[in-house]
Amino acid sequence: MKVKIGNNEYTVTPLPPRLAPHNAFYSELLQRKPSSVQEAEEIGASIKELTELVLKATVTPTPPEEHYTQLYNAVTELTNKVLSQSFFPAAPK
């Protein structure tokens, strides 16, 4: 799938199964409520590390950080679409 952000065009592929646990941990971290600034910084660093790992495996060329959110959302959307097609194939026409 192609995603255009500003003047940049990216090729996005579905999340490989080996990264599914990373994606689950990413989702968990987004919901976590830190109890201190230090904990918030640690969570933020982990989210950035996971984002870079996932985008490195699914997006070309390598995006700048300001495009991470849009591209992560595109990877998630494409992965969900591919998974739903494999579980619920389209009826023959």
PDB file of N, CA and C in Angstrom:
ATOM      1  N   MET A   1       0.858  -1.159   0.000  1.00  0.00           N
ATOM      2  CA  MET A   1       0.000   0.000   0.000  1.00  0.00           C
ATOM      3  C   MET A   1       0.913   1.233   0.000  1.00  0.00           C
ATOM      4  N   LYS A   2       0.510   2.232  -0.726  1.00  0.00           N
ATOM      5  CA  LYS A   2       1.250   3.493  -0.779  1.00  0.00           C
ATOM      6  C   LYS A   2       0.583   4.513   0.148  1.00  0.00           C
ATOM      7  N   VAL A   3       1.402   5.253   0.874  1.00  0.00           N
ATOM      8  CA  VAL A   3       0.914   6.316   1.755  1.00  0.00           C
ATOM      9  C   VAL A   3       1.722   7.561   1.442  1.00  0.00           C
ATOM     10  N   LYS A   4       1.017   8.656   1.186  1.00  0.00           N
ATOM     11  CA  LYS A   4       1.694   9.915   0.884  1.00  0.00           C
ATOM     12  C   LYS A   4       1.482  10.877   2.050  1.00  0.00           C
ATOM     13  N   ILE A   5       2.594  11.412   2.544  1.00  0.00           N
ATOM     14  CA  ILE A   5       2.559  12.414   3.611  1.00  0.00           C
ATOM     15  C   ILE A   5       3.392  13.583   3.113  1.00  0.00           C
ATOM     16  N   GLY A   6       2.732  14.685   2.850  1.00  0.00           N
ATOM     17  CA  GLY A   6       3.424  15.827   2.268  1.00  0.00           C
ATOM     18  C   GLY A   6       3.994  15.440   0.915  1.00  0.00           C
ATOM     19  N   ASN A   7       5.284  15.663   0.716  1.00  0.00           N
ATOM     20  CA  ASN A   7       5.947  15.297  -0.538  1.00  0.00           C
ATOM     21  C   ASN A   7       6.559  13.908  -0.498  1.00  0.00           C
ATOM     22  N   ASN A   8       6.373  13.189   0.596  1.00  0.00           N
ATOM     23  CA  ASN A   8       6.971  11.866   0.766  1.00  0.00           C
ATOM     24  C   ASN A   8       5.957  10.770   0.480  1.00  0.00           C
ATOM     25  N   GLU A   9       6.398   9.770  -0.266  1.00  0.00           N
ATOM     26  CA  GLU A   9       5.548   8.607  -0.513  1.00  0.00           C
ATOM     27  C   GLU A   9       6.235   7.384   0.073  1.00  0.00           C
ATOM     28  N   TYR A  10       5.455   6.607   0.824  1.00  0.00           N
ATOM     29  CA  TYR A  10       5.974   5.433   1.497  1.00  0.00           C
ATOM     30  C   TYR A  10       5.247   4.184   1.010  1.00  0.00           C
ATOM     31  N   THR A  11       5.963   3.088   1.019  1.00  0.00           N
ATOM     32  CA  THR A  11       5.356   1.781   0.785  1.00  0.00           C
ATOM     33  C   THR A  11       5.190   1.129   2.148  1.00  0.00           C
ATOM     34  N   VAL A  12       3.956   0.723   2.440  1.00  0.00           N
ATOM     35  CA  VAL A  12       3.620   0.127   3.731  1.00  0.00           C
ATOM     36  C   VAL A  12       3.197  -1.315   3.510  1.00  0.00           C
ATOM     37  N   THR A  13       3.740  -2.223   4.335  1.00  0.00           N
ATOM     38  CA  THR A  13       3.364  -3.633   4.280  1.00  0.00           C
ATOM     39  C   THR A  13       2.744  -4.030   5.615  1.00  0.00           C
ATOM     40  N   PRO A  14       2.009  -5.139   5.638  1.00  0.00           N
ATOM     41  CA  PRO A  14       1.404  -5.570   6.904  1.00  0.00           C
ATOM     42  C   PRO A  14       2.470  -5.948   7.936  1.00  0.00           C
ATOM     43  N   LEU A  15       2.078  -5.891   9.162  1.00  0.00           N
ATOM     44  CA  LEU A  15       2.943  -6.262  10.273  1.00  0.00           C
ATOM     45  C   LEU A  15       3.285  -7.748  10.183  1.00  0.00           C
ATOM     46  N   PRO A  16       4.571  -8.115  10.192  1.00  0.00           N
ATOM     47  CA  PRO A  16       4.908  -9.532  10.172  1.00  0.00           C
ATOM     48  C   PRO A  16       4.506 -10.192  11.494  1.00  0.00           C
ATOM     49  N   PRO A  17       4.076 -11.439  11.461  1.00  0.00           N
ATOM     50  CA  PRO A  17       3.634 -12.112  12.686  1.00  0.00           C
ATOM     51  C   PRO A  17       4.661 -12.080  13.819  1.00  0.00           C
ATOM     52  N   ARG A  18       5.944 -12.082  13.490  1.00  0.00           N
ATOM     53  CA  ARG A  18       6.972 -12.076  14.540  1.00  0.00           C
ATOM     54  C   ARG A  18       6.936 -10.792  15.369  1.00  0.00           C
ATOM     55  N   LEU A  19       6.314  -9.740  14.837  1.00  0.00           N
ATOM     56  CA  LEU A  19       6.234  -8.470  15.565  1.00  0.00           C
ATOM     57  C   LEU A  19       4.890  -8.254  16.260  1.00  0.00           C
ATOM     58  N   ALA A  20       3.998  -9.224  16.189  1.00  0.00           N
ATOM     59  CA  ALA A  20       2.695  -9.089  16.851  1.00  0.00           C
ATOM     60  C   ALA A  20       2.828  -8.837  18.351  1.00  0.00           C
ATOM     61  N   PRO A  21       3.743  -9.525  19.058  1.00  0.00           N
ATOM     62  CA  PRO A  21       3.898  -9.223  20.492  1.00  0.00           C
ATOM     63  C   PRO A  21       4.378  -7.792  20.746  1.00  0.00           C
ATOM     64  N   HIS A  22       5.210  -7.277  19.857  1.00  0.00           N
ATOM     65  CA  HIS A  22       5.678  -5.899  19.994  1.00  0.00           C
ATOM     66  C   HIS A  22       4.508  -4.926  19.833  1.00  0.00           C
ATOM     67  N   ASN A  23       3.641  -5.228  18.881  1.00  0.00           N
ATOM     68  CA  ASN A  23       2.472  -4.391  18.642  1.00  0.00           C
ATOM     69  C   ASN A  23       1.535  -4.410  19.852  1.00  0.00           C
ATOM     70  N   ALA A  24       1.362  -5.586  20.451  1.00  0.00           N
ATOM     71  CA  ALA A  24       0.508  -5.700  21.638  1.00  0.00           C
ATOM     72  C   ALA A  24       1.095  -4.890  22.793  1.00  0.00           C
ATOM     73  N   PHE A  25       2.408  -4.954  22.955  1.00  0.00           N
ATOM     74  CA  PHE A  25       3.071  -4.203  24.020  1.00  0.00           C
ATOM     75  C   PHE A  25       2.956  -2.702  23.768  1.00  0.00           C
ATOM     76  N   TYR A  26       3.078  -2.298  22.508  1.00  0.00           N
ATOM     77  CA  TYR A  26       2.906  -0.890  22.122  1.00  0.00           C
ATOM     78  C   TYR A  26       1.520  -0.395  22.553  1.00  0.00           C
ATOM     79  N   SER A  27       0.492  -1.180  22.245  1.00  0.00           N
ATOM     80  CA  SER A  27      -0.883  -0.804  22.612  1.00  0.00           C
ATOM     81  C   SER A  27      -1.032  -0.698  24.124  1.00  0.00           C
ATOM     82  N   GLU A  28      -0.421  -1.624  24.840  1.00  0.00           N
ATOM     83  CA  GLU A  28      -0.477  -1.590  26.300  1.00  0.00           C
ATOM     84  C   GLU A  28       0.195  -0.328  26.850  1.00  0.00           C
ATOM     85  N   LEU A  29       1.349   0.014  26.301  1.00  0.00           N
ATOM     86  CA  LEU A  29       2.069   1.198  26.767  1.00  0.00           C
ATOM     87  C   LEU A  29       1.279   2.480  26.526  1.00  0.00           C
ATOM     88  N   LEU A  30       0.566   2.545  25.404  1.00  0.00           N
ATOM     89  CA  LEU A  30      -0.236   3.739  25.117  1.00  0.00           C
ATOM     90  C   LEU A  30      -1.317   3.962  26.171  1.00  0.00           C
ATOM     91  N   GLN A  31      -1.805   2.878  26.767  1.00  0.00           N
ATOM     92  CA  GLN A  31      -2.878   2.970  27.763  1.00  0.00           C
ATOM     93  C   GLN A  31      -2.356   3.171  29.184  1.00  0.00           C
ATOM     94  N   ARG A  32      -1.078   2.927  29.391  1.00  0.00           N
ATOM     95  CA  ARG A  32      -0.502   2.997  30.735  1.00  0.00           C
ATOM     96  C   ARG A  32      -0.470   4.440  31.244  1.00  0.00           C
ATOM     97  N   LYS A  33      -0.853   4.616  32.489  1.00  0.00           N
ATOM     98  CA  LYS A  33      -0.829   5.937  33.110  1.00  0.00           C
ATOM     99  C   LYS A  33       0.396   5.998  34.026  1.00  0.00           C
ATOM    100  N   PRO A  34       1.360   6.831  33.677  1.00  0.00           N
ATOM    101  CA  PRO A  34       2.571   6.912  34.497  1.00  0.00           C
ATOM    102  C   PRO A  34       2.294   7.601  35.831  1.00  0.00           C
ATOM    103  N   SER A  35       3.083   7.227  36.832  1.00  0.00           N
ATOM    104  CA  SER A  35       2.913   7.834  38.149  1.00  0.00           C
ATOM    105  C   SER A  35       3.961   8.906  38.429  1.00  0.00           C
ATOM    106  N   SER A  36       4.878   9.113  37.467  1.00  0.00           N
ATOM    107  CA  SER A  36       5.899  10.140  37.640  1.00  0.00           C
ATOM    108  C   SER A  36       6.406  10.584  36.276  1.00  0.00           C
ATOM    109  N   VAL A  37       7.109  11.686  36.260  1.00  0.00           N
ATOM    110  CA  VAL A  37       7.712  12.175  35.020  1.00  0.00           C
ATOM    111  C   VAL A  37       8.737  11.153  34.511  1.00  0.00           C
ATOM    112  N   GLN A  38       9.494  10.588  35.421  1.00  0.00           N
ATOM    113  CA  GLN A  38      10.502   9.602  35.034  1.00  0.00           C
ATOM    114  C   GLN A  38       9.842   8.391  34.370  1.00  0.00           C
ATOM    115  N   GLU A  39       8.768   7.916  34.951  1.00  0.00           N
ATOM    116  CA  GLU A  39       8.068   6.777  34.361  1.00  0.00           C
ATOM    117  C   GLU A  39       7.499   7.149  32.994  1.00  0.00           C
ATOM    118  N   ALA A  40       6.980   8.366  32.853  1.00  0.00           N
ATOM    119  CA  ALA A  40       6.460   8.834  31.561  1.00  0.00           C
ATOM    120  C   ALA A  40       7.567   8.847  30.515  1.00  0.00           C
ATOM    121  N   GLU A  41       8.746   9.291  30.913  1.00  0.00           N
ATOM    122  CA  GLU A  41       9.878   9.306  29.983  1.00  0.00           C
ATOM    123  C   GLU A  41      10.281   7.896  29.573  1.00  0.00           C
ATOM    124  N   GLU A  42      10.251   6.958  30.507  1.00  0.00           N
ATOM    125  CA  GLU A  42      10.586   5.564  30.199  1.00  0.00           C
ATOM    126  C   GLU A  42       9.564   4.953  29.245  1.00  0.00           C
ATOM    127  N   ILE A  43       8.299   5.228  29.505  1.00  0.00           N
ATOM    128  CA  ILE A  43       7.243   4.722  28.622  1.00  0.00           C
ATOM    129  C   ILE A  43       7.398   5.326  27.236  1.00  0.00           C
ATOM    130  N   GLY A  44       7.646   6.637  27.171  1.00  0.00           N
ATOM    131  CA  GLY A  44       7.835   7.304  25.882  1.00  0.00           C
ATOM    132  C   GLY A  44       9.011   6.725  25.107  1.00  0.00           C
ATOM    133  N   ALA A  45      10.103   6.446  25.797  1.00  0.00           N
ATOM    134  CA  ALA A  45      11.276   5.858  25.138  1.00  0.00           C
ATOM    135  C   ALA A  45      10.953   4.464  24.601  1.00  0.00           C
ATOM    136  N   SER A  46      10.195   3.690  25.369  1.00  0.00           N
ATOM    137  CA  SER A  46       9.811   2.347  24.907  1.00  0.00           C
ATOM    138  C   SER A  46       8.883   2.431  23.696  1.00  0.00           C
ATOM    139  N   ILE A  47       7.945   3.366  23.724  1.00  0.00           N
ATOM    140  CA  ILE A  47       7.029   3.539  22.593  1.00  0.00           C
ATOM    141  C   ILE A  47       7.824   3.916  21.340  1.00  0.00           C
ATOM    142  N   LYS A  48       8.778   4.824  21.488  1.00  0.00           N
ATOM    143  CA  LYS A  48       9.587   5.224  20.337  1.00  0.00           C
ATOM    144  C   LYS A  48      10.381   4.030  19.797  1.00  0.00           C
ATOM    145  N   GLU A  49      10.975   3.244  20.690  1.00  0.00           N
ATOM    146  CA  GLU A  49      11.753   2.070  20.274  1.00  0.00           C
ATOM    147  C   GLU A  49      10.879   1.058  19.536  1.00  0.00           C
ATOM    148  N   LEU A  50       9.691   0.794  20.067  1.00  0.00           N
ATOM    149  CA  LEU A  50       8.779  -0.151  19.419  1.00  0.00           C
ATOM    150  C   LEU A  50       8.302   0.379  18.069  1.00  0.00           C
ATOM    151  N   THR A  51       7.995   1.674  18.011  1.00  0.00           N
ATOM    152  CA  THR A  51       7.554   2.287  16.759  1.00  0.00           C
ATOM    153  C   THR A  51       8.628   2.143  15.692  1.00  0.00           C
ATOM    154  N   GLU A  52       9.852   2.460  16.044  1.00  0.00           N
ATOM    155  CA  GLU A  52      10.953   2.356  15.079  1.00  0.00           C
ATOM    156  C   GLU A  52      11.151   0.919  14.614  1.00  0.00           C
ATOM    157  N   LEU A  53      11.032  -0.033  15.524  1.00  0.00           N
ATOM    158  CA  LEU A  53      11.183  -1.450  15.171  1.00  0.00           C
ATOM    159  C   LEU A  53      10.107  -1.883  14.169  1.00  0.00           C
ATOM    160  N   VAL A  54       8.864  -1.519  14.457  1.00  0.00           N
ATOM    161  CA  VAL A  54       7.751  -1.895  13.575  1.00  0.00           C
ATOM    162  C   VAL A  54       7.865  -1.195  12.226  1.00  0.00           C
ATOM    163  N   LEU A  55       8.131   0.109  12.234  1.00  0.00           N
ATOM    164  CA  LEU A  55       8.199   0.840  10.969  1.00  0.00           C
ATOM    165  C   LEU A  55       9.397   0.403  10.123  1.00  0.00           C
ATOM    166  N   LYS A  56      10.483   0.029  10.751  1.00  0.00           N
ATOM    167  CA  LYS A  56      11.651  -0.461  10.008  1.00  0.00           C
ATOM    168  C   LYS A  56      11.297  -1.727   9.228  1.00  0.00           C
ATOM    169  N   ALA A  57      10.422  -2.552   9.802  1.00  0.00           N
ATOM    170  CA  ALA A  57      10.029  -3.805   9.159  1.00  0.00           C
ATOM    171  C   ALA A  57       8.889  -3.644   8.156  1.00  0.00           C
ATOM    172  N   THR A  58       8.199  -2.502   8.178  1.00  0.00           N
ATOM    173  CA  THR A  58       6.982  -2.384   7.373  1.00  0.00           C
ATOM    174  C   THR A  58       6.904  -1.179   6.446  1.00  0.00           C
ATOM    175  N   VAL A  59       7.833  -0.238   6.565  1.00  0.00           N
ATOM    176  CA  VAL A  59       7.738   1.010   5.793  1.00  0.00           C
ATOM    177  C   VAL A  59       9.057   1.302   5.086  1.00  0.00           C
ATOM    178  N   THR A  60       8.961   1.635   3.801  1.00  0.00           N
ATOM    179  CA  THR A  60      10.130   2.120   3.055  1.00  0.00           C
ATOM    180  C   THR A  60       9.711   3.357   2.282  1.00  0.00           C
ATOM    181  N   PRO A  61      10.552   4.348   2.164  1.00  0.00           N
ATOM    182  CA  PRO A  61      11.836   4.514   2.819  1.00  0.00           C
ATOM    183  C   PRO A  61      11.648   4.827   4.300  1.00  0.00           C
ATOM    184  N   THR A  62      12.746   4.898   5.040  1.00  0.00           N
ATOM    185  CA  THR A  62      12.704   5.202   6.470  1.00  0.00           C
ATOM    186  C   THR A  62      12.135   6.606   6.681  1.00  0.00           C
ATOM    187  N   PRO A  63      11.066   6.711   7.488  1.00  0.00           N
ATOM    188  CA  PRO A  63      10.424   8.011   7.682  1.00  0.00           C
ATOM    189  C   PRO A  63      11.058   8.824   8.800  1.00  0.00           C
ATOM    190  N   PRO A  64      10.847  10.154   8.754  1.00  0.00           N
ATOM    191  CA  PRO A  64      11.240  10.982   9.901  1.00  0.00           C
ATOM    192  C   PRO A  64      10.223  10.773  11.033  1.00  0.00           C
ATOM    193  N   GLU A  65      10.624  11.111  12.234  1.00  0.00           N
ATOM    194  CA  GLU A  65       9.765  10.867  13.406  1.00  0.00           C
ATOM    195  C   GLU A  65       8.402  11.544  13.299  1.00  0.00           C
ATOM    196  N   GLU A  66       8.331  12.693  12.645  1.00  0.00           N
ATOM    197  CA  GLU A  66       7.038  13.376  12.559  1.00  0.00           C
ATOM    198  C   GLU A  66       6.007  12.613  11.719  1.00  0.00           C
ATOM    199  N   HIS A  67       6.422  11.583  10.984  1.00  0.00           N
ATOM    200  CA  HIS A  67       5.490  10.774  10.198  1.00  0.00           C
ATOM    201  C   HIS A  67       5.138   9.447  10.885  1.00  0.00           C
ATOM    202  N   TYR A  68       5.740   9.183  12.027  1.00  0.00           N
ATOM    203  CA  TYR A  68       5.550   7.898  12.700  1.00  0.00           C
ATOM    204  C   TYR A  68       4.086   7.565  12.975  1.00  0.00           C
ATOM    205  N   THR A  69       3.348   8.498  13.535  1.00  0.00           N
ATOM    206  CA  THR A  69       1.969   8.197  13.934  1.00  0.00           C
ATOM    207  C   THR A  69       1.109   7.830  12.738  1.00  0.00           C
ATOM    208  N   GLN A  70       1.177   8.621  11.684  1.00  0.00           N
ATOM    209  CA  GLN A  70       0.363   8.340  10.499  1.00  0.00           C
ATOM    210  C   GLN A  70       0.751   6.997   9.878  1.00  0.00           C
ATOM    211  N   LEU A  71       2.032   6.718   9.830  1.00  0.00           N
ATOM    212  CA  LEU A  71       2.478   5.466   9.217  1.00  0.00           C
ATOM    213  C   LEU A  71       2.165   4.267  10.101  1.00  0.00           C
ATOM    214  N   TYR A  72       2.291   4.412  11.412  1.00  0.00           N
ATOM    215  CA  TYR A  72       1.931   3.306  12.304  1.00  0.00           C
ATOM    216  C   TYR A  72       0.444   2.987  12.148  1.00  0.00           C
ATOM    217  N   ASN A  73      -0.365   4.030  12.048  1.00  0.00           N
ATOM    218  CA  ASN A  73      -1.800   3.825  11.834  1.00  0.00           C
ATOM    219  C   ASN A  73      -2.058   3.117  10.504  1.00  0.00           C
ATOM    220  N   ALA A  74      -1.316   3.465   9.460  1.00  0.00           N
ATOM    221  CA  ALA A  74      -1.475   2.813   8.160  1.00  0.00           C
ATOM    222  C   ALA A  74      -1.078   1.345   8.236  1.00  0.00           C
ATOM    223  N   VAL A  75       0.006   1.045   8.948  1.00  0.00           N
ATOM    224  CA  VAL A  75       0.435  -0.351   9.120  1.00  0.00           C
ATOM    225  C   VAL A  75      -0.652  -1.137   9.845  1.00  0.00           C
ATOM    226  N   THR A  76      -1.195  -0.558  10.901  1.00  0.00           N
ATOM    227  CA  THR A  76      -2.250  -1.230  11.675  1.00  0.00           C
ATOM    228  C   THR A  76      -3.485  -1.469  10.817  1.00  0.00           C
ATOM    229  N   GLU A  77      -3.890  -0.455  10.074  1.00  0.00           N
ATOM    230  CA  GLU A  77      -5.069  -0.575   9.202  1.00  0.00           C
ATOM    231  C   GLU A  77      -4.863  -1.668   8.152  1.00  0.00           C
ATOM    232  N   LEU A  78      -3.699  -1.672   7.507  1.00  0.00           N
ATOM    233  CA  LEU A  78      -3.413  -2.672   6.484  1.00  0.00           C
ATOM    234  C   LEU A  78      -3.343  -4.067   7.096  1.00  0.00           C
ATOM    235  N   THR A  79      -2.706  -4.197   8.240  1.00  0.00           N
ATOM    236  CA  THR A  79      -2.606  -5.500   8.907  1.00  0.00           C
ATOM    237  C   THR A  79      -3.992  -6.029   9.254  1.00  0.00           C
ATOM    238  N   ASN A  80      -4.842  -5.180   9.810  1.00  0.00           N
ATOM    239  CA  ASN A  80      -6.206  -5.601  10.149  1.00  0.00           C
ATOM    240  C   ASN A  80      -6.986  -6.019   8.908  1.00  0.00           C
ATOM    241  N   LYS A  81      -6.799  -5.302   7.818  1.00  0.00           N
ATOM    242  CA  LYS A  81      -7.484  -5.637   6.566  1.00  0.00           C
ATOM    243  C   LYS A  81      -7.027  -7.000   6.054  1.00  0.00           C
ATOM    244  N   VAL A  82      -5.727  -7.236   6.065  1.00  0.00           N
ATOM    245  CA  VAL A  82      -5.186  -8.512   5.594  1.00  0.00           C
ATOM    246  C   VAL A  82      -5.661  -9.655   6.484  1.00  0.00           C
ATOM    247  N   LEU A  83      -5.632  -9.443   7.794  1.00  0.00           N
ATOM    248  CA  LEU A  83      -6.078 -10.488   8.718  1.00  0.00           C
ATOM    249  C   LEU A  83      -7.558 -10.793   8.540  1.00  0.00           C
ATOM    250  N   SER A  84      -8.381  -9.772   8.362  1.00  0.00           N
ATOM    251  CA  SER A  84      -9.819 -10.020   8.200  1.00  0.00           C
ATOM    252  C   SER A  84     -10.101 -10.748   6.890  1.00  0.00           C
ATOM    253  N   GLN A  85      -9.313 -10.484   5.857  1.00  0.00           N
ATOM    254  CA  GLN A  85      -9.498 -11.192   4.593  1.00  0.00           C
ATOM    255  C   GLN A  85      -9.108 -12.651   4.719  1.00  0.00           C
ATOM    256  N   SER A  86      -8.105 -12.949   5.536  1.00  0.00           N
ATOM    257  CA  SER A  86      -7.684 -14.342   5.674  1.00  0.00           C
ATOM    258  C   SER A  86      -8.679 -15.136   6.518  1.00  0.00           C
ATOM    259  N   PHE A  87      -9.348 -14.472   7.457  1.00  0.00           N
ATOM    260  CA  PHE A  87     -10.338 -15.153   8.282  1.00  0.00           C
ATOM    261  C   PHE A  87     -11.722 -15.175   7.627  1.00  0.00           C
ATOM    262  N   PHE A  88     -12.010 -14.143   6.847  1.00  0.00           N
ATOM    263  CA  PHE A  88     -13.312 -14.020   6.212  1.00  0.00           C
ATOM    264  C   PHE A  88     -13.134 -13.758   4.734  1.00  0.00           C
ATOM    265  N   PRO A  89     -12.720 -14.774   3.967  1.00  0.00           N
ATOM    266  CA  PRO A  89     -12.491 -14.536   2.528  1.00  0.00           C
ATOM    267  C   PRO A  89     -13.778 -14.094   1.833  1.00  0.00           C
ATOM    268  N   ALA A  90     -13.593 -13.296   0.818  1.00  0.00           N
ATOM    269  CA  ALA A  90     -14.734 -12.804   0.060  1.00  0.00           C
ATOM    270  C   ALA A  90     -15.449 -13.963  -0.616  1.00  0.00           C
ATOM    271  N   ALA A  91     -16.748 -13.846  -0.690  1.00  0.00           N
ATOM    272  CA  ALA A  91     -17.544 -14.884  -1.346  1.00  0.00           C
ATOM    273  C   ALA A  91     -17.261 -14.862  -2.838  1.00  0.00           C
ATOM    274  N   PRO A  92     -17.234 -16.036  -3.467  1.00  0.00           N
ATOM    275  CA  PRO A  92     -17.002 -16.073  -4.919  1.00  0.00           C
ATOM    276  C   PRO A  92     -18.131 -15.359  -5.649  1.00  0.00           C
ATOM    277  N   LYS A  93     -17.747 -14.714  -6.761  1.00  0.00           N
ATOM    278  CA  LYS A  93     -18.755 -13.976  -7.547  1.00  0.00           C
ATOM    279  C   LYS A  93     -19.274 -14.817  -8.671  1.00  0.00           C
TER     280      LYS A  93
END
